[in-house]
């Protein structure tokens, strides 16, 4: 998704236009709501553009996405902050506290399924630190979800389970907390 990052911040008065890329096999079933109100969706089969208000007010906003897939409906929610002017004071914390953390939840998945190829001294990109792994958070999720990582031909690690993929997805959605 381009245009808004989970738990990202935008300046007051920002417009709302987001591009969502997905697997074309997802079909044309796609919907979106911004703060519980429908958002205009254009596009088809894996590439959608969402447009909403020309100017967003300060505070936390919630973008809910719903896409059809061969396995059923996939739903994601992204929260982001629109920062107000000087008089608005410090931003309040996001509506929901994060539930997934790199050290506690994601590192064990990395150690089991990624470290053999992406560990210290390997010939692949090192992903063993929070900084390295979070820099590729969404890309890692996309590749794992598509079954591209760990590469089946390498035979060095088992594919991630559905629960592990969901845990990684939640971590990315919640802003990739350490």
C-alpha atoms as a PDB file:
ATOM      1  CA  UNK A   1       0.000   0.000   0.000  1.00  0.00           C
ATOM      2  CA  UNK A   2       1.401   3.364  -0.951  1.00  0.00           C
ATOM      3  CA  UNK A   3       0.282   6.681   0.502  1.00  0.00           C
ATOM      4  CA  UNK A   4      -0.117   5.864   4.186  1.00  0.00           C
ATOM      5  CA  UNK A   5       2.007   3.808   6.560  1.00  0.00           C
ATOM      6  CA  UNK A   6       0.660   2.086   9.659  1.00  0.00           C
ATOM      7  CA  UNK A   7       1.003   4.447  12.608  1.00  0.00           C
ATOM      8  CA  UNK A   8       2.557   7.019  10.270  1.00  0.00           C
ATOM      9  CA  UNK A   9       2.048  10.769  10.604  1.00  0.00           C
ATOM     10  CA  UNK A  10       0.776  13.258   8.067  1.00  0.00           C
ATOM     11  CA  UNK A  11       0.507  17.056   8.346  1.00  0.00           C
ATOM     12  CA  UNK A  12      -2.897  18.665   8.932  1.00  0.00           C
ATOM     13  CA  UNK A  13      -4.727  19.399   5.701  1.00  0.00           C
ATOM     14  CA  UNK A  14      -3.272  16.371   3.925  1.00  0.00           C
ATOM     15  CA  UNK A  15      -5.460  14.961   1.211  1.00  0.00           C
ATOM     16  CA  UNK A  16      -6.318  11.311   1.026  1.00  0.00           C
ATOM     17  CA  UNK A  17      -5.210   9.218  -1.943  1.00  0.00           C
ATOM     18  CA  UNK A  18      -3.852   5.705  -1.441  1.00  0.00           C
ATOM     19  CA  UNK A  19      -2.736   3.125  -3.977  1.00  0.00           C
ATOM     20  CA  UNK A  20      -3.171  -0.512  -2.986  1.00  0.00           C
ATOM     21  CA  UNK A  21      -1.338  -3.250  -4.867  1.00  0.00           C
ATOM     22  CA  UNK A  22      -2.254  -6.887  -4.494  1.00  0.00           C
ATOM     23  CA  UNK A  23      -2.188 -10.186  -6.271  1.00  0.00           C
ATOM     24  CA  UNK A  24      -4.319 -10.004  -9.451  1.00  0.00           C
ATOM     25  CA  UNK A  25      -5.894 -13.342  -8.464  1.00  0.00           C
ATOM     26  CA  UNK A  26      -7.690 -11.403  -5.731  1.00  0.00           C
ATOM     27  CA  UNK A  27     -10.199 -10.369  -8.369  1.00  0.00           C
ATOM     28  CA  UNK A  28     -12.199  -7.177  -8.351  1.00  0.00           C
ATOM     29  CA  UNK A  29     -13.840  -7.425  -4.947  1.00  0.00           C
ATOM     30  CA  UNK A  30     -12.348  -4.572  -2.915  1.00  0.00           C
ATOM     31  CA  UNK A  31     -13.767  -2.103  -0.424  1.00  0.00           C
ATOM     32  CA  UNK A  32     -12.442   0.584   1.870  1.00  0.00           C
ATOM     33  CA  UNK A  33     -13.668   2.772   4.701  1.00  0.00           C
ATOM     34  CA  UNK A  34     -11.989   5.762   6.305  1.00  0.00           C
ATOM     35  CA  UNK A  35     -13.144   6.283   9.884  1.00  0.00           C
ATOM     36  CA  UNK A  36     -16.191   4.114   9.203  1.00  0.00           C
ATOM     37  CA  UNK A  37     -17.270   5.965   6.035  1.00  0.00           C
ATOM     38  CA  UNK A  38     -17.010   4.599   2.508  1.00  0.00           C
ATOM     39  CA  UNK A  39     -14.100   5.650   0.325  1.00  0.00           C
ATOM     40  CA  UNK A  40     -14.179   5.862  -3.470  1.00  0.00           C
ATOM     41  CA  UNK A  41     -12.351   2.858  -4.971  1.00  0.00           C
ATOM     42  CA  UNK A  42     -11.232   2.677  -8.591  1.00  0.00           C
ATOM     43  CA  UNK A  43      -9.154   0.067 -10.380  1.00  0.00           C
ATOM     44  CA  UNK A  44      -9.363  -3.685 -10.652  1.00  0.00           C
ATOM     45  CA  UNK A  45      -7.681  -7.051 -10.104  1.00  0.00           C
ATOM     46  CA  UNK A  46      -4.846  -6.153  -7.777  1.00  0.00           C
ATOM     47  CA  UNK A  47      -4.375  -2.415  -8.373  1.00  0.00           C
ATOM     48  CA  UNK A  48      -6.777  -0.033  -6.684  1.00  0.00           C
ATOM     49  CA  UNK A  49      -6.740   3.683  -5.949  1.00  0.00           C
ATOM     50  CA  UNK A  50      -8.642   5.038  -2.964  1.00  0.00           C
ATOM     51  CA  UNK A  51      -9.635   8.683  -2.786  1.00  0.00           C
ATOM     52  CA  UNK A  52     -11.321  10.411   0.078  1.00  0.00           C
ATOM     53  CA  UNK A  53     -11.531  13.854   1.610  1.00  0.00           C
ATOM     54  CA  UNK A  54      -9.351  16.566   0.104  1.00  0.00           C
ATOM     55  CA  UNK A  55      -8.288  17.571   3.598  1.00  0.00           C
ATOM     56  CA  UNK A  56      -8.086  15.400   6.708  1.00  0.00           C
ATOM     57  CA  UNK A  57      -8.557  16.915  10.145  1.00  0.00           C
ATOM     58  CA  UNK A  58      -6.075  16.366  12.975  1.00  0.00           C
ATOM     59  CA  UNK A  59      -6.221  13.201  15.048  1.00  0.00           C
ATOM     60  CA  UNK A  60      -6.032   9.455  14.565  1.00  0.00           C
ATOM     61  CA  UNK A  61      -7.712   7.990  11.494  1.00  0.00           C
ATOM     62  CA  UNK A  62      -8.485   4.378  10.667  1.00  0.00           C
ATOM     63  CA  UNK A  63      -8.434   3.000   7.120  1.00  0.00           C
ATOM     64  CA  UNK A  64     -10.157  -0.399   6.800  1.00  0.00           C
ATOM     65  CA  UNK A  65      -9.571  -2.468   3.674  1.00  0.00           C
ATOM     66  CA  UNK A  66     -11.444  -5.559   2.534  1.00  0.00           C
ATOM     67  CA  UNK A  67     -10.372  -7.608  -0.496  1.00  0.00           C
ATOM     68  CA  UNK A  68     -11.687 -10.809  -1.999  1.00  0.00           C
ATOM     69  CA  UNK A  69      -9.235 -13.671  -2.418  1.00  0.00           C
ATOM     70  CA  UNK A  70      -9.442 -17.322  -3.465  1.00  0.00           C
ATOM     71  CA  UNK A  71      -9.367 -18.237   0.250  1.00  0.00           C
ATOM     72  CA  UNK A  72     -12.092 -15.763   1.226  1.00  0.00           C
ATOM     73  CA  UNK A  73     -12.134 -12.145   2.328  1.00  0.00           C
ATOM     74  CA  UNK A  74      -8.922 -10.536   3.602  1.00  0.00           C
ATOM     75  CA  UNK A  75      -9.329  -7.548   5.905  1.00  0.00           C
ATOM     76  CA  UNK A  76      -6.694  -5.094   7.133  1.00  0.00           C
ATOM     77  CA  UNK A  77      -6.895  -1.907   9.171  1.00  0.00           C
ATOM     78  CA  UNK A  78      -4.241   0.807   9.102  1.00  0.00           C
ATOM     79  CA  UNK A  79      -4.198   3.593  11.694  1.00  0.00           C
ATOM     80  CA  UNK A  80      -2.409   6.880  11.017  1.00  0.00           C
ATOM     81  CA  UNK A  81      -2.132  10.290  12.651  1.00  0.00           C
ATOM     82  CA  UNK A  82      -2.831  13.658  11.054  1.00  0.00           C
ATOM     83  CA  UNK A  83      -0.871  16.160  13.109  1.00  0.00           C
ATOM     84  CA  UNK A  84      -2.505  19.488  13.905  1.00  0.00           C
ATOM     85  CA  UNK A  85      -0.989  22.937  14.298  1.00  0.00           C
ATOM     86  CA  UNK A  86       1.033  24.144  17.287  1.00  0.00           C
ATOM     87  CA  UNK A  87      -2.093  24.713  19.380  1.00  0.00           C
ATOM     88  CA  UNK A  88      -3.330  21.147  19.099  1.00  0.00           C
ATOM     89  CA  UNK A  89      -0.805  19.856  21.664  1.00  0.00           C
ATOM     90  CA  UNK A  90       1.042  16.554  21.598  1.00  0.00           C
ATOM     91  CA  UNK A  91      -0.553  13.677  19.699  1.00  0.00           C
ATOM     92  CA  UNK A  92      -2.563  11.200  21.683  1.00  0.00           C
ATOM     93  CA  UNK A  93      -1.450   7.562  21.520  1.00  0.00           C
ATOM     94  CA  UNK A  94      -3.014   5.422  18.795  1.00  0.00           C
ATOM     95  CA  UNK A  95      -6.458   4.016  19.616  1.00  0.00           C
ATOM     96  CA  UNK A  96      -5.146   0.492  20.178  1.00  0.00           C
ATOM     97  CA  UNK A  97      -1.820  -0.413  21.714  1.00  0.00           C
ATOM     98  CA  UNK A  98       0.476  -2.655  19.644  1.00  0.00           C
ATOM     99  CA  UNK A  99       0.238  -6.363  20.336  1.00  0.00           C
ATOM    100  CA  UNK A 100       3.142  -7.764  18.272  1.00  0.00           C
ATOM    101  CA  UNK A 101       6.815  -6.944  18.790  1.00  0.00           C
ATOM    102  CA  UNK A 102       9.967  -7.847  16.873  1.00  0.00           C
ATOM    103  CA  UNK A 103      11.994  -9.260  19.761  1.00  0.00           C
ATOM    104  CA  UNK A 104       9.199 -11.313  21.299  1.00  0.00           C
ATOM    105  CA  UNK A 105       7.184 -12.414  18.286  1.00  0.00           C
ATOM    106  CA  UNK A 106       9.003 -11.870  14.975  1.00  0.00           C
ATOM    107  CA  UNK A 107      12.609 -12.750  15.880  1.00  0.00           C
ATOM    108  CA  UNK A 108      11.689 -16.421  16.619  1.00  0.00           C
ATOM    109  CA  UNK A 109      10.104 -16.667  13.156  1.00  0.00           C
ATOM    110  CA  UNK A 110      13.219 -15.069  11.630  1.00  0.00           C
ATOM    111  CA  UNK A 111      15.498 -17.495  13.491  1.00  0.00           C
ATOM    112  CA  UNK A 112      13.505 -20.543  12.335  1.00  0.00           C
ATOM    113  CA  UNK A 113      12.724 -19.576   8.749  1.00  0.00           C
ATOM    114  CA  UNK A 114      15.032 -16.748   7.600  1.00  0.00           C
ATOM    115  CA  UNK A 115      18.372 -16.860   9.428  1.00  0.00           C
ATOM    116  CA  UNK A 116      19.775 -19.779   7.419  1.00  0.00           C
ATOM    117  CA  UNK A 117      19.945 -17.538   4.343  1.00  0.00           C
ATOM    118  CA  UNK A 118      19.710 -14.021   5.837  1.00  0.00           C
ATOM    119  CA  UNK A 119      21.871 -14.443   8.943  1.00  0.00           C
ATOM    120  CA  UNK A 120      25.281 -13.094   9.892  1.00  0.00           C
ATOM    121  CA  UNK A 121      27.942 -14.002   7.313  1.00  0.00           C
ATOM    122  CA  UNK A 122      25.491 -15.309   4.704  1.00  0.00           C
ATOM    123  CA  UNK A 123      25.669 -14.354   1.043  1.00  0.00           C
ATOM    124  CA  UNK A 124      22.126 -12.898   1.158  1.00  0.00           C
ATOM    125  CA  UNK A 125      20.951  -9.604   2.674  1.00  0.00           C
ATOM    126  CA  UNK A 126      21.382  -9.647   6.456  1.00  0.00           C
ATOM    127  CA  UNK A 127      17.998  -9.344   8.193  1.00  0.00           C
ATOM    128  CA  UNK A 128      18.964 -10.341  11.737  1.00  0.00           C
ATOM    129  CA  UNK A 129      18.510  -6.959  13.398  1.00  0.00           C
ATOM    130  CA  UNK A 130      15.303  -5.053  14.094  1.00  0.00           C
ATOM    131  CA  UNK A 131      16.533  -2.215  11.849  1.00  0.00           C
ATOM    132  CA  UNK A 132      17.310  -4.505   8.902  1.00  0.00           C
ATOM    133  CA  UNK A 133      14.125  -6.572   9.184  1.00  0.00           C
ATOM    134  CA  UNK A 134      11.792  -3.612   9.703  1.00  0.00           C
ATOM    135  CA  UNK A 135      13.294  -1.823   6.680  1.00  0.00           C
ATOM    136  CA  UNK A 136      11.805  -4.647   4.594  1.00  0.00           C
ATOM    137  CA  UNK A 137       8.718  -5.277   6.744  1.00  0.00           C
ATOM    138  CA  UNK A 138       5.999  -4.943   4.089  1.00  0.00           C
ATOM    139  CA  UNK A 139       8.194  -6.467   1.374  1.00  0.00           C
ATOM    140  CA  UNK A 140       9.002  -9.413   3.651  1.00  0.00           C
ATOM    141  CA  UNK A 141       5.294  -9.878   4.359  1.00  0.00           C
ATOM    142  CA  UNK A 142       4.457  -9.741   0.648  1.00  0.00           C
ATOM    143  CA  UNK A 143       7.132 -12.300  -0.271  1.00  0.00           C
ATOM    144  CA  UNK A 144       6.208 -14.660   2.587  1.00  0.00           C
ATOM    145  CA  UNK A 145       2.469 -14.354   1.813  1.00  0.00           C
ATOM    146  CA  UNK A 146       3.124 -15.168  -1.846  1.00  0.00           C
ATOM    147  CA  UNK A 147       5.105 -18.280  -0.844  1.00  0.00           C
ATOM    148  CA  UNK A 148       8.323 -16.865  -2.317  1.00  0.00           C
ATOM    149  CA  UNK A 149      10.152 -16.824   1.040  1.00  0.00           C
ATOM    150  CA  UNK A 150      11.670 -18.912   2.302  1.00  0.00           C
ATOM    151  CA  UNK A 151      12.338 -20.209  -1.206  1.00  0.00           C
ATOM    152  CA  UNK A 152      11.014 -23.754  -1.487  1.00  0.00           C
ATOM    153  CA  UNK A 153      13.913 -24.799  -3.744  1.00  0.00           C
ATOM    154  CA  UNK A 154      16.478 -23.888  -1.084  1.00  0.00           C
ATOM    155  CA  UNK A 155      15.152 -26.596   1.241  1.00  0.00           C
ATOM    156  CA  UNK A 156      16.747 -24.960   4.285  1.00  0.00           C
ATOM    157  CA  UNK A 157      13.588 -23.855   6.094  1.00  0.00           C
ATOM    158  CA  UNK A 158       9.928 -24.769   6.365  1.00  0.00           C
ATOM    159  CA  UNK A 159       7.416 -22.255   4.982  1.00  0.00           C
ATOM    160  CA  UNK A 160       5.762 -20.020   7.525  1.00  0.00           C
ATOM    161  CA  UNK A 161       2.493 -21.254   8.971  1.00  0.00           C
ATOM    162  CA  UNK A 162      -0.707 -19.242   8.453  1.00  0.00           C
ATOM    163  CA  UNK A 163      -0.474 -18.146  12.111  1.00  0.00           C
ATOM    164  CA  UNK A 164       3.091 -16.911  11.576  1.00  0.00           C
ATOM    165  CA  UNK A 165       2.099 -15.018   8.424  1.00  0.00           C
ATOM    166  CA  UNK A 166      -0.790 -13.407  10.316  1.00  0.00           C
ATOM    167  CA  UNK A 167       1.568 -12.474  13.157  1.00  0.00           C
ATOM    168  CA  UNK A 168       3.939 -10.851  10.649  1.00  0.00           C
ATOM    169  CA  UNK A 169       0.995  -9.039   9.018  1.00  0.00           C
ATOM    170  CA  UNK A 170      -0.174  -7.714  12.374  1.00  0.00           C
ATOM    171  CA  UNK A 171       3.357  -6.555  13.211  1.00  0.00           C
ATOM    172  CA  UNK A 172       3.552  -4.623   9.923  1.00  0.00           C
ATOM    173  CA  UNK A 173       0.046  -3.141  10.424  1.00  0.00           C
ATOM    174  CA  UNK A 174       0.871  -2.035  13.949  1.00  0.00           C
ATOM    175  CA  UNK A 175       3.909  -0.080  12.814  1.00  0.00           C
ATOM    176  CA  UNK A 176       6.683  -2.699  13.205  1.00  0.00           C
ATOM    177  CA  UNK A 177       7.420  -2.245  16.887  1.00  0.00           C
ATOM    178  CA  UNK A 178      10.786  -3.307  18.309  1.00  0.00           C
END
